């Protein structure tokens, strides 16, 4: 039996999806999560496209199993100027990966 770590070539954080598009409405916001495989446990930072820290998004990382983590992000309401691209930078001692999230107005 292979561990997830032995399947990946290193402990660098990896994600199945690195570009995500979310439809969100101003009154309902959004909630989503993404799974990351890494060893050792990674750290993450949530930034908007211009490099500033994204405020108002509730986020956390949970441990699902050895070397498997889920990053959860929630924002209950959005202002019109909050749509756009933000980036989740995930890193550990073996490297860095980025997940780009494009939040767009949800069509009615």
PDB file of N, CA and C in Angstrom:
ATOM      1  N   UNK A   1       0.843  -1.183   0.000  1.00  0.00           N
ATOM      2  CA  UNK A   1       0.000   0.000   0.000  1.00  0.00           C
ATOM      3  C   UNK A   1       0.882   1.238   0.000  1.00  0.00           C
ATOM      4  N   UNK A   2       0.528   2.240  -0.807  1.00  0.00           N
ATOM      5  CA  UNK A   2       1.281   3.481  -0.913  1.00  0.00           C
ATOM      6  C   UNK A   2       0.608   4.566  -0.097  1.00  0.00           C
ATOM      7  N   UNK A   3       1.413   5.365   0.560  1.00  0.00           N
ATOM      8  CA  UNK A   3       0.852   6.535   1.231  1.00  0.00           C
ATOM      9  C   UNK A   3       0.715   7.632   0.190  1.00  0.00           C
ATOM     10  N   UNK A   4      -0.096   8.632   0.474  1.00  0.00           N
ATOM     11  CA  UNK A   4      -0.233   9.754  -0.449  1.00  0.00           C
ATOM     12  C   UNK A   4       1.097  10.455  -0.645  1.00  0.00           C
ATOM     13  N   UNK A   5       1.913  10.505   0.389  1.00  0.00           N
ATOM     14  CA  UNK A   5       3.213  11.155   0.261  1.00  0.00           C
ATOM     15  C   UNK A   5       4.093  10.408  -0.720  1.00  0.00           C
ATOM     16  N   UNK A   6       4.059   9.074  -0.723  1.00  0.00           N
ATOM     17  CA  UNK A   6       4.905   8.331  -1.645  1.00  0.00           C
ATOM     18  C   UNK A   6       4.414   8.438  -3.080  1.00  0.00           C
ATOM     19  N   UNK A   7       3.152   8.770  -3.282  1.00  0.00           N
ATOM     20  CA  UNK A   7       2.620   8.956  -4.627  1.00  0.00           C
ATOM     21  C   UNK A   7       3.135  10.263  -5.224  1.00  0.00           C
ATOM     22  N   UNK A   8       3.259  11.297  -4.413  1.00  0.00           N
ATOM     23  CA  UNK A   8       3.792  12.553  -4.914  1.00  0.00           C
ATOM     24  C   UNK A   8       5.307  12.490  -4.875  1.00  0.00           C
ATOM     25  N   UNK A   9       5.951  13.242  -5.735  1.00  0.00           N
ATOM     26  CA  UNK A   9       7.403  13.160  -5.836  1.00  0.00           C
ATOM     27  C   UNK A   9       8.120  13.854  -4.683  1.00  0.00           C
ATOM     28  N   UNK A  10       7.457  14.750  -4.002  1.00  0.00           N
ATOM     29  CA  UNK A  10       8.059  15.434  -2.854  1.00  0.00           C
ATOM     30  C   UNK A  10       6.953  15.821  -1.904  1.00  0.00           C
ATOM     31  N   UNK A  11       7.323  16.494  -0.843  1.00  0.00           N
ATOM     32  CA  UNK A  11       6.324  16.955   0.107  1.00  0.00           C
ATOM     33  C   UNK A  11       5.756  18.308  -0.256  1.00  0.00           C
ATOM     34  N   UNK A  12       6.124  18.836  -1.440  1.00  0.00           N
ATOM     35  CA  UNK A  12       5.617  20.137  -1.885  1.00  0.00           C
ATOM     36  C   UNK A  12       4.092  20.107  -1.911  1.00  0.00           C
ATOM     37  N   UNK A  13       3.436  21.162  -1.441  1.00  0.00           N
ATOM     38  CA  UNK A  13       1.975  21.200  -1.484  1.00  0.00           C
ATOM     39  C   UNK A  13       1.449  21.051  -2.916  1.00  0.00           C
ATOM     40  N   UNK A  14       0.440  20.200  -3.082  1.00  0.00           N
ATOM     41  CA  UNK A  14      -0.199  20.032  -4.385  1.00  0.00           C
ATOM     42  C   UNK A  14      -1.704  20.063  -4.211  1.00  0.00           C
ATOM     43  N   UNK A  15      -2.364  20.521  -5.255  1.00  0.00           N
ATOM     44  CA  UNK A  15      -3.820  20.581  -5.278  1.00  0.00           C
ATOM     45  C   UNK A  15      -4.291  20.093  -6.636  1.00  0.00           C
ATOM     46  N   UNK A  16      -5.425  19.393  -6.666  1.00  0.00           N
ATOM     47  CA  UNK A  16      -5.949  18.912  -7.942  1.00  0.00           C
ATOM     48  C   UNK A  16      -6.365  20.063  -8.846  1.00  0.00           C
ATOM     49  N   UNK A  17      -6.891  21.123  -8.256  1.00  0.00           N
ATOM     50  CA  UNK A  17      -7.395  22.261  -9.026  1.00  0.00           C
ATOM     51  C   UNK A  17      -6.634  23.509  -8.591  1.00  0.00           C
ATOM     52  N   UNK A  18      -6.075  24.226  -9.565  1.00  0.00           N
ATOM     53  CA  UNK A  18      -5.340  25.446  -9.243  1.00  0.00           C
ATOM     54  C   UNK A  18      -6.022  26.704  -9.765  1.00  0.00           C
ATOM     55  N   UNK A  19      -7.132  26.552 -10.489  1.00  0.00           N
ATOM     56  CA  UNK A  19      -7.930  27.682 -10.964  1.00  0.00           C
ATOM     57  C   UNK A  19      -9.393  27.370 -10.705  1.00  0.00           C
ATOM     58  N   UNK A  20     -10.017  28.204  -9.878  1.00  0.00           N
ATOM     59  CA  UNK A  20     -11.400  27.985  -9.468  1.00  0.00           C
ATOM     60  C   UNK A  20     -12.202  29.229  -9.806  1.00  0.00           C
ATOM     61  N   UNK A  21     -13.391  29.049 -10.390  1.00  0.00           N
ATOM     62  CA  UNK A  21     -14.312  30.159 -10.625  1.00  0.00           C
ATOM     63  C   UNK A  21     -15.544  29.917  -9.778  1.00  0.00           C
ATOM     64  N   UNK A  22     -15.880  30.921  -8.960  1.00  0.00           N
ATOM     65  CA  UNK A  22     -17.037  30.826  -8.059  1.00  0.00           C
ATOM     66  C   UNK A  22     -18.072  31.866  -8.439  1.00  0.00           C
ATOM     67  N   UNK A  23     -19.311  31.435  -8.619  1.00  0.00           N
ATOM     68  CA  UNK A  23     -20.415  32.371  -8.770  1.00  0.00           C
ATOM     69  C   UNK A  23     -20.924  32.727  -7.384  1.00  0.00           C
ATOM     70  N   UNK A  24     -21.016  34.014  -7.100  1.00  0.00           N
ATOM     71  CA  UNK A  24     -21.457  34.458  -5.769  1.00  0.00           C
ATOM     72  C   UNK A  24     -22.414  35.625  -5.916  1.00  0.00           C
ATOM     73  N   UNK A  25     -23.333  35.752  -4.974  1.00  0.00           N
ATOM     74  CA  UNK A  25     -24.253  36.891  -4.972  1.00  0.00           C
ATOM     75  C   UNK A  25     -23.923  37.787  -3.783  1.00  0.00           C
ATOM     76  N   UNK A  26     -24.280  39.059  -3.916  1.00  0.00           N
ATOM     77  CA  UNK A  26     -23.959  40.024  -2.861  1.00  0.00           C
ATOM     78  C   UNK A  26     -24.619  39.656  -1.539  1.00  0.00           C
ATOM     79  N   UNK A  27     -25.839  39.122  -1.577  1.00  0.00           N
ATOM     80  CA  UNK A  27     -26.550  38.834  -0.335  1.00  0.00           C
ATOM     81  C   UNK A  27     -26.245  37.460   0.253  1.00  0.00           C
ATOM     82  N   UNK A  28     -25.681  36.539  -0.539  1.00  0.00           N
ATOM     83  CA  UNK A  28     -25.399  35.196  -0.026  1.00  0.00           C
ATOM     84  C   UNK A  28     -23.917  34.884   0.066  1.00  0.00           C
ATOM     85  N   UNK A  29     -23.076  35.639  -0.611  1.00  0.00           N
ATOM     86  CA  UNK A  29     -21.645  35.407  -0.536  1.00  0.00           C
ATOM     87  C   UNK A  29     -21.250  34.063  -1.128  1.00  0.00           C
ATOM     88  N   UNK A  30     -20.252  33.430  -0.503  1.00  0.00           N
ATOM     89  CA  UNK A  30     -19.794  32.131  -0.989  1.00  0.00           C
ATOM     90  C   UNK A  30     -19.181  31.331   0.144  1.00  0.00           C
ATOM     91  N   UNK A  31     -19.096  30.037  -0.079  1.00  0.00           N
ATOM     92  CA  UNK A  31     -18.406  29.118   0.822  1.00  0.00           C
ATOM     93  C   UNK A  31     -17.835  28.010  -0.044  1.00  0.00           C
ATOM     94  N   UNK A  32     -16.565  27.725   0.110  1.00  0.00           N
ATOM     95  CA  UNK A  32     -15.974  26.620  -0.628  1.00  0.00           C
ATOM     96  C   UNK A  32     -14.744  26.125   0.102  1.00  0.00           C
ATOM     97  N   UNK A  33     -14.271  24.978  -0.331  1.00  0.00           N
ATOM     98  CA  UNK A  33     -13.063  24.413   0.252  1.00  0.00           C
ATOM     99  C   UNK A  33     -12.260  23.729  -0.844  1.00  0.00           C
ATOM    100  N   UNK A  34     -10.980  23.565  -0.585  1.00  0.00           N
ATOM    101  CA  UNK A  34     -10.091  22.883  -1.511  1.00  0.00           C
ATOM    102  C   UNK A  34      -9.133  22.011  -0.714  1.00  0.00           C
ATOM    103  N   UNK A  35      -8.801  20.866  -1.266  1.00  0.00           N
ATOM    104  CA  UNK A  35      -7.945  19.912  -0.579  1.00  0.00           C
ATOM    105  C   UNK A  35      -6.514  20.014  -1.089  1.00  0.00           C
ATOM    106  N   UNK A  36      -5.571  19.916  -0.151  1.00  0.00           N
ATOM    107  CA  UNK A  36      -4.148  20.023  -0.464  1.00  0.00           C
ATOM    108  C   UNK A  36      -3.428  18.824   0.150  1.00  0.00           C
ATOM    109  N   UNK A  37      -2.498  18.261  -0.613  1.00  0.00           N
ATOM    110  CA  UNK A  37      -1.640  17.192  -0.107  1.00  0.00           C
ATOM    111  C   UNK A  37      -0.264  17.794   0.117  1.00  0.00           C
ATOM    112  N   UNK A  38       0.315  17.587   1.291  1.00  0.00           N
ATOM    113  CA  UNK A  38       1.626  18.167   1.597  1.00  0.00           C
ATOM    114  C   UNK A  38       2.245  17.465   2.793  1.00  0.00           C
ATOM    115  N   UNK A  39       3.575  17.507   2.828  1.00  0.00           N
ATOM    116  CA  UNK A  39       4.314  17.081   4.002  1.00  0.00           C
ATOM    117  C   UNK A  39       5.595  17.893   4.075  1.00  0.00           C
ATOM    118  N   UNK A  40       5.886  18.555   5.155  1.00  0.00           N
ATOM    119  CA  UNK A  40       5.087  18.671   6.382  1.00  0.00           C
ATOM    120  C   UNK A  40       3.883  19.591   6.173  1.00  0.00           C
ATOM    121  N   UNK A  41       3.125  19.774   7.258  1.00  0.00           N
ATOM    122  CA  UNK A  41       1.922  20.599   7.209  1.00  0.00           C
ATOM    123  C   UNK A  41       2.253  21.946   6.591  1.00  0.00           C
ATOM    124  N   UNK A  42       1.454  22.375   5.612  1.00  0.00           N
ATOM    125  CA  UNK A  42       1.727  23.659   4.960  1.00  0.00           C
ATOM    126  C   UNK A  42       1.133  24.841   5.727  1.00  0.00           C
ATOM    127  N   UNK A  43       1.581  26.010   5.348  1.00  0.00           N
ATOM    128  CA  UNK A  43       1.002  27.279   5.787  1.00  0.00           C
ATOM    129  C   UNK A  43       0.346  27.888   4.559  1.00  0.00           C
ATOM    130  N   UNK A  44      -0.608  28.779   4.758  1.00  0.00           N
ATOM    131  CA  UNK A  44      -1.240  29.416   3.610  1.00  0.00           C
ATOM    132  C   UNK A  44      -1.494  30.887   3.900  1.00  0.00           C
ATOM    133  N   UNK A  45      -1.628  31.657   2.820  1.00  0.00           N
ATOM    134  CA  UNK A  45      -1.903  33.081   2.902  1.00  0.00           C
ATOM    135  C   UNK A  45      -2.893  33.417   1.811  1.00  0.00           C
ATOM    136  N   UNK A  46      -3.893  34.198   2.129  1.00  0.00           N
ATOM    137  CA  UNK A  46      -4.943  34.574   1.198  1.00  0.00           C
ATOM    138  C   UNK A  46      -4.738  36.035   0.801  1.00  0.00           C
ATOM    139  N   UNK A  47      -4.500  36.293  -0.491  1.00  0.00           N
ATOM    140  CA  UNK A  47      -4.244  37.645  -0.991  1.00  0.00           C
ATOM    141  C   UNK A  47      -5.148  37.972  -2.167  1.00  0.00           C
ATOM    142  N   UNK A  48      -5.453  39.267  -2.339  1.00  0.00           N
ATOM    143  CA  UNK A  48      -6.146  39.680  -3.554  1.00  0.00           C
ATOM    144  C   UNK A  48      -5.109  39.856  -4.648  1.00  0.00           C
ATOM    145  N   UNK A  49      -5.568  40.057  -5.860  1.00  0.00           N
ATOM    146  CA  UNK A  49      -4.697  40.093  -7.024  1.00  0.00           C
ATOM    147  C   UNK A  49      -3.581  41.140  -6.923  1.00  0.00           C
ATOM    148  N   UNK A  50      -3.843  42.258  -6.227  1.00  0.00           N
ATOM    149  CA  UNK A  50      -2.814  43.297  -6.118  1.00  0.00           C
ATOM    150  C   UNK A  50      -1.829  43.050  -4.976  1.00  0.00           C
ATOM    151  N   UNK A  51      -1.911  41.875  -4.319  1.00  0.00           N
ATOM    152  CA  UNK A  51      -0.944  41.507  -3.290  1.00  0.00           C
ATOM    153  C   UNK A  51      -1.326  41.887  -1.876  1.00  0.00           C
ATOM    154  N   UNK A  52      -2.502  42.464  -1.679  1.00  0.00           N
ATOM    155  CA  UNK A  52      -2.943  42.829  -0.336  1.00  0.00           C
ATOM    156  C   UNK A  52      -3.652  41.649   0.322  1.00  0.00           C
ATOM    157  N   UNK A  53      -3.646  41.646   1.642  1.00  0.00           N
ATOM    158  CA  UNK A  53      -4.341  40.588   2.383  1.00  0.00           C
ATOM    159  C   UNK A  53      -5.843  40.784   2.234  1.00  0.00           C
ATOM    160  N   UNK A  54      -6.558  39.707   1.946  1.00  0.00           N
ATOM    161  CA  UNK A  54      -8.005  39.758   1.735  1.00  0.00           C
ATOM    162  C   UNK A  54      -8.713  39.752   3.088  1.00  0.00           C
ATOM    163  N   UNK A  55      -9.443  40.822   3.380  1.00  0.00           N
ATOM    164  CA  UNK A  55     -10.170  40.935   4.644  1.00  0.00           C
ATOM    165  C   UNK A  55     -11.602  40.450   4.497  1.00  0.00           C
ATOM    166  N   UNK A  56     -12.176  40.017   5.585  1.00  0.00           N
ATOM    167  CA  UNK A  56     -13.580  39.656   5.607  1.00  0.00           C
ATOM    168  C   UNK A  56     -13.897  38.240   5.191  1.00  0.00           C
ATOM    169  N   UNK A  57     -12.904  37.495   4.749  1.00  0.00           N
ATOM    170  CA  UNK A  57     -13.133  36.100   4.405  1.00  0.00           C
ATOM    171  C   UNK A  57     -12.720  35.261   5.604  1.00  0.00           C
ATOM    172  N   UNK A  58     -13.644  34.472   6.102  1.00  0.00           N
ATOM    173  CA  UNK A  58     -13.340  33.567   7.206  1.00  0.00           C
ATOM    174  C   UNK A  58     -12.666  32.348   6.598  1.00  0.00           C
ATOM    175  N   UNK A  59     -11.507  31.986   7.130  1.00  0.00           N
ATOM    176  CA  UNK A  59     -10.778  30.863   6.558  1.00  0.00           C
ATOM    177  C   UNK A  59     -10.089  30.058   7.646  1.00  0.00           C
ATOM    178  N   UNK A  60      -9.927  28.769   7.369  1.00  0.00           N
ATOM    179  CA  UNK A  60      -9.189  27.890   8.266  1.00  0.00           C
ATOM    180  C   UNK A  60      -8.728  26.664   7.492  1.00  0.00           C
ATOM    181  N   UNK A  61      -7.835  25.924   8.093  1.00  0.00           N
ATOM    182  CA  UNK A  61      -7.335  24.703   7.482  1.00  0.00           C
ATOM    183  C   UNK A  61      -7.536  23.563   8.467  1.00  0.00           C
ATOM    184  N   UNK A  62      -8.105  22.465   7.985  1.00  0.00           N
ATOM    185  CA  UNK A  62      -8.304  21.292   8.818  1.00  0.00           C
ATOM    186  C   UNK A  62      -7.433  20.149   8.305  1.00  0.00           C
ATOM    187  N   UNK A  63      -7.124  19.239   9.200  1.00  0.00           N
ATOM    188  CA  UNK A  63      -6.355  18.048   8.851  1.00  0.00           C
ATOM    189  C   UNK A  63      -7.351  16.920   8.627  1.00  0.00           C
ATOM    190  N   UNK A  64      -7.357  16.350   7.412  1.00  0.00           N
ATOM    191  CA  UNK A  64      -8.272  15.257   7.088  1.00  0.00           C
ATOM    192  C   UNK A  64      -7.662  13.911   7.423  1.00  0.00           C
ATOM    193  N   UNK A  65      -6.383  13.764   7.116  1.00  0.00           N
ATOM    194  CA  UNK A  65      -5.628  12.527   7.332  1.00  0.00           C
ATOM    195  C   UNK A  65      -4.159  12.917   7.256  1.00  0.00           C
ATOM    196  N   UNK A  66      -3.286  11.954   7.424  1.00  0.00           N
ATOM    197  CA  UNK A  66      -1.862  12.244   7.334  1.00  0.00           C
ATOM    198  C   UNK A  66      -1.573  12.834   5.961  1.00  0.00           C
ATOM    199  N   UNK A  67      -0.997  14.022   5.943  1.00  0.00           N
ATOM    200  CA  UNK A  67      -0.581  14.727   4.731  1.00  0.00           C
ATOM    201  C   UNK A  67      -1.723  15.257   3.872  1.00  0.00           C
ATOM    202  N   UNK A  68      -2.966  15.213   4.332  1.00  0.00           N
ATOM    203  CA  UNK A  68      -4.103  15.716   3.561  1.00  0.00           C
ATOM    204  C   UNK A  68      -4.810  16.793   4.382  1.00  0.00           C
ATOM    205  N   UNK A  69      -4.933  17.981   3.782  1.00  0.00           N
ATOM    206  CA  UNK A  69      -5.488  19.148   4.468  1.00  0.00           C
ATOM    207  C   UNK A  69      -6.583  19.767   3.609  1.00  0.00           C
ATOM    208  N   UNK A  70      -7.557  20.387   4.260  1.00  0.00           N
ATOM    209  CA  UNK A  70      -8.588  21.112   3.528  1.00  0.00           C
ATOM    210  C   UNK A  70      -8.595  22.560   4.008  1.00  0.00           C
ATOM    211  N   UNK A  71      -8.542  23.475   3.043  1.00  0.00           N
ATOM    212  CA  UNK A  71      -8.654  24.902   3.339  1.00  0.00           C
ATOM    213  C   UNK A  71     -10.085  25.315   3.037  1.00  0.00           C
ATOM    214  N   UNK A  72     -10.755  25.901   4.041  1.00  0.00           N
ATOM    215  CA  UNK A  72     -12.144  26.332   3.937  1.00  0.00           C
ATOM    216  C   UNK A  72     -12.177  27.858   3.889  1.00  0.00           C
ATOM    217  N   UNK A  73     -12.991  28.418   2.996  1.00  0.00           N
ATOM    218  CA  UNK A  73     -13.146  29.863   2.883  1.00  0.00           C
ATOM    219  C   UNK A  73     -14.626  30.208   2.817  1.00  0.00           C
ATOM    220  N   UNK A  74     -15.037  31.218   3.593  1.00  0.00           N
ATOM    221  CA  UNK A  74     -16.435  31.638   3.631  1.00  0.00           C
ATOM    222  C   UNK A  74     -16.513  33.154   3.706  1.00  0.00           C
ATOM    223  N   UNK A  75     -17.420  33.729   2.933  1.00  0.00           N
ATOM    224  CA  UNK A  75     -17.735  35.166   3.030  1.00  0.00           C
ATOM    225  C   UNK A  75     -19.245  35.264   2.884  1.00  0.00           C
ATOM    226  N   UNK A  76     -19.916  35.822   3.899  1.00  0.00           N
ATOM    227  CA  UNK A  76     -21.377  35.785   3.923  1.00  0.00           C
ATOM    228  C   UNK A  76     -22.034  36.839   3.042  1.00  0.00           C
ATOM    229  N   UNK A  77     -21.406  37.976   2.840  1.00  0.00           N
ATOM    230  CA  UNK A  77     -21.934  39.007   1.950  1.00  0.00           C
ATOM    231  C   UNK A  77     -20.788  39.607   1.151  1.00  0.00           C
ATOM    232  N   UNK A  78     -21.115  40.128  -0.009  1.00  0.00           N
ATOM    233  CA  UNK A  78     -20.109  40.740  -0.880  1.00  0.00           C
ATOM    234  C   UNK A  78     -20.541  42.142  -1.269  1.00  0.00           C
ATOM    235  N   UNK A  79     -19.589  43.023  -1.385  1.00  0.00           N
ATOM    236  CA  UNK A  79     -19.816  44.335  -1.981  1.00  0.00           C
ATOM    237  C   UNK A  79     -19.462  44.216  -3.459  1.00  0.00           C
ATOM    238  N   UNK A  80     -19.992  45.089  -4.286  1.00  0.00           N
ATOM    239  CA  UNK A  80     -19.748  45.023  -5.726  1.00  0.00           C
ATOM    240  C   UNK A  80     -18.258  45.022  -6.059  1.00  0.00           C
ATOM    241  N   UNK A  81     -17.453  45.775  -5.311  1.00  0.00           N
ATOM    242  CA  UNK A  81     -16.017  45.866  -5.621  1.00  0.00           C
ATOM    243  C   UNK A  81     -15.206  44.679  -5.078  1.00  0.00           C
ATOM    244  N   UNK A  82     -15.862  43.704  -4.443  1.00  0.00           N
ATOM    245  CA  UNK A  82     -15.147  42.550  -3.908  1.00  0.00           C
ATOM    246  C   UNK A  82     -15.090  41.367  -4.877  1.00  0.00           C
ATOM    247  N   UNK A  83     -15.752  41.484  -6.012  1.00  0.00           N
ATOM    248  CA  UNK A  83     -15.619  40.441  -7.026  1.00  0.00           C
ATOM    249  C   UNK A  83     -14.247  40.555  -7.656  1.00  0.00           C
ATOM    250  N   UNK A  84     -13.715  39.471  -8.098  1.00  0.00           N
ATOM    251  CA  UNK A  84     -12.411  39.491  -8.738  1.00  0.00           C
ATOM    252  C   UNK A  84     -11.589  38.281  -8.343  1.00  0.00           C
ATOM    253  N   UNK A  85     -10.299  38.386  -8.582  1.00  0.00           N
ATOM    254  CA  UNK A  85      -9.396  37.262  -8.364  1.00  0.00           C
ATOM    255  C   UNK A  85      -8.655  37.421  -7.043  1.00  0.00           C
ATOM    256  N   UNK A  86      -8.606  36.347  -6.275  1.00  0.00           N
ATOM    257  CA  UNK A  86      -7.692  36.299  -5.144  1.00  0.00           C
ATOM    258  C   UNK A  86      -6.916  35.003  -5.219  1.00  0.00           C
ATOM    259  N   UNK A  87      -5.828  34.944  -4.479  1.00  0.00           N
ATOM    260  CA  UNK A  87      -4.902  33.825  -4.581  1.00  0.00           C
ATOM    261  C   UNK A  87      -4.665  33.233  -3.195  1.00  0.00           C
ATOM    262  N   UNK A  88      -4.677  31.904  -3.125  1.00  0.00           N
ATOM    263  CA  UNK A  88      -4.297  31.202  -1.906  1.00  0.00           C
ATOM    264  C   UNK A  88      -2.871  30.694  -2.146  1.00  0.00           C
ATOM    265  N   UNK A  89      -1.898  31.263  -1.439  1.00  0.00           N
ATOM    266  CA  UNK A  89      -0.514  30.805  -1.518  1.00  0.00           C
ATOM    267  C   UNK A  89      -0.313  29.761  -0.428  1.00  0.00           C
ATOM    268  N   UNK A  90       0.151  28.589  -0.809  1.00  0.00           N
ATOM    269  CA  UNK A  90       0.336  27.485   0.138  1.00  0.00           C
ATOM    270  C   UNK A  90       1.795  27.061   0.067  1.00  0.00           C
ATOM    271  N   UNK A  91       2.460  27.007   1.232  1.00  0.00           N
ATOM    272  CA  UNK A  91       3.873  26.615   1.198  1.00  0.00           C
ATOM    273  C   UNK A  91       4.271  25.800   2.413  1.00  0.00           C
ATOM    274  N   UNK A  92       5.346  25.041   2.214  1.00  0.00           N
ATOM    275  CA  UNK A  92       6.042  24.361   3.298  1.00  0.00           C
ATOM    276  C   UNK A  92       7.520  24.338   2.932  1.00  0.00           C
ATOM    277  N   UNK A  93       8.319  23.576   3.641  1.00  0.00           N
ATOM    278  CA  UNK A  93       9.763  23.578   3.403  1.00  0.00           C
ATOM    279  C   UNK A  93      10.146  23.029   2.030  1.00  0.00           C
ATOM    280  N   UNK A  94       9.241  22.301   1.355  1.00  0.00           N
ATOM    281  CA  UNK A  94       9.559  21.711   0.054  1.00  0.00           C
ATOM    282  C   UNK A  94       9.091  22.530  -1.141  1.00  0.00           C
ATOM    283  N   UNK A  95       8.322  23.585  -0.900  1.00  0.00           N
ATOM    284  CA  UNK A  95       7.896  24.397  -2.041  1.00  0.00           C
ATOM    285  C   UNK A  95       6.603  25.136  -1.806  1.00  0.00           C
ATOM    286  N   UNK A  96       6.132  25.724  -2.909  1.00  0.00           N
ATOM    287  CA  UNK A  96       4.944  26.575  -2.873  1.00  0.00           C
ATOM    288  C   UNK A  96       4.023  26.209  -4.024  1.00  0.00           C
ATOM    289  N   UNK A  97       2.733  26.317  -3.792  1.00  0.00           N
ATOM    290  CA  UNK A  97       1.751  26.219  -4.862  1.00  0.00           C
ATOM    291  C   UNK A  97       0.741  27.346  -4.667  1.00  0.00           C
ATOM    292  N   UNK A  98       0.099  27.736  -5.738  1.00  0.00           N
ATOM    293  CA  UNK A  98      -0.895  28.811  -5.688  1.00  0.00           C
ATOM    294  C   UNK A  98      -2.205  28.324  -6.279  1.00  0.00           C
ATOM    295  N   UNK A  99      -3.296  28.725  -5.651  1.00  0.00           N
ATOM    296  CA  UNK A  99      -4.625  28.426  -6.165  1.00  0.00           C
ATOM    297  C   UNK A  99      -5.294  29.774  -6.442  1.00  0.00           C
ATOM    298  N   UNK A 100      -5.693  29.979  -7.682  1.00  0.00           N
ATOM    299  CA  UNK A 100      -6.335  31.223  -8.097  1.00  0.00           C
ATOM    300  C   UNK A 100      -7.843  31.042  -8.060  1.00  0.00           C
ATOM    301  N   UNK A 101      -8.520  31.965  -7.373  1.00  0.00           N
ATOM    302  CA  UNK A 101      -9.974  31.895  -7.218  1.00  0.00           C
ATOM    303  C   UNK A 101     -10.568  33.160  -7.828  1.00  0.00           C
ATOM    304  N   UNK A 102     -11.418  32.985  -8.829  1.00  0.00           N
ATOM    305  CA  UNK A 102     -12.085  34.099  -9.485  1.00  0.00           C
ATOM    306  C   UNK A 102     -13.522  34.134  -9.008  1.00  0.00           C
ATOM    307  N   UNK A 103     -13.877  35.152  -8.234  1.00  0.00           N
ATOM    308  CA  UNK A 103     -15.250  35.299  -7.722  1.00  0.00           C
ATOM    309  C   UNK A 103     -15.999  36.216  -8.682  1.00  0.00           C
ATOM    310  N   UNK A 104     -17.052  35.681  -9.291  1.00  0.00           N
ATOM    311  CA  UNK A 104     -17.825  36.429 -10.266  1.00  0.00           C
ATOM    312  C   UNK A 104     -19.284  36.536  -9.796  1.00  0.00           C
ATOM    313  N   UNK A 105     -19.998  37.564 -10.268  1.00  0.00           N
ATOM    314  CA  UNK A 105     -21.424  37.659  -9.909  1.00  0.00           C
ATOM    315  C   UNK A 105     -22.185  36.444 -10.437  1.00  0.00           C
ATOM    316  N   UNK A 106     -22.991  35.880  -9.576  1.00  0.00           N
ATOM    317  CA  UNK A 106     -23.792  34.713  -9.960  1.00  0.00           C
ATOM    318  C   UNK A 106     -24.949  35.177 -10.816  1.00  0.00           C
ATOM    319  N   UNK A 107     -25.156  34.542 -11.954  1.00  0.00           N
ATOM    320  CA  UNK A 107     -26.274  34.915 -12.808  1.00  0.00           C
ATOM    321  C   UNK A 107     -27.568  34.446 -12.173  1.00  0.00           C
ATOM    322  N   UNK A 108     -28.611  35.224 -12.388  1.00  0.00           N
ATOM    323  CA  UNK A 108     -29.902  34.911 -11.751  1.00  0.00           C
ATOM    324  C   UNK A 108     -30.758  34.093 -12.650  1.00  0.00           C
TER     325      UNK A 108
END
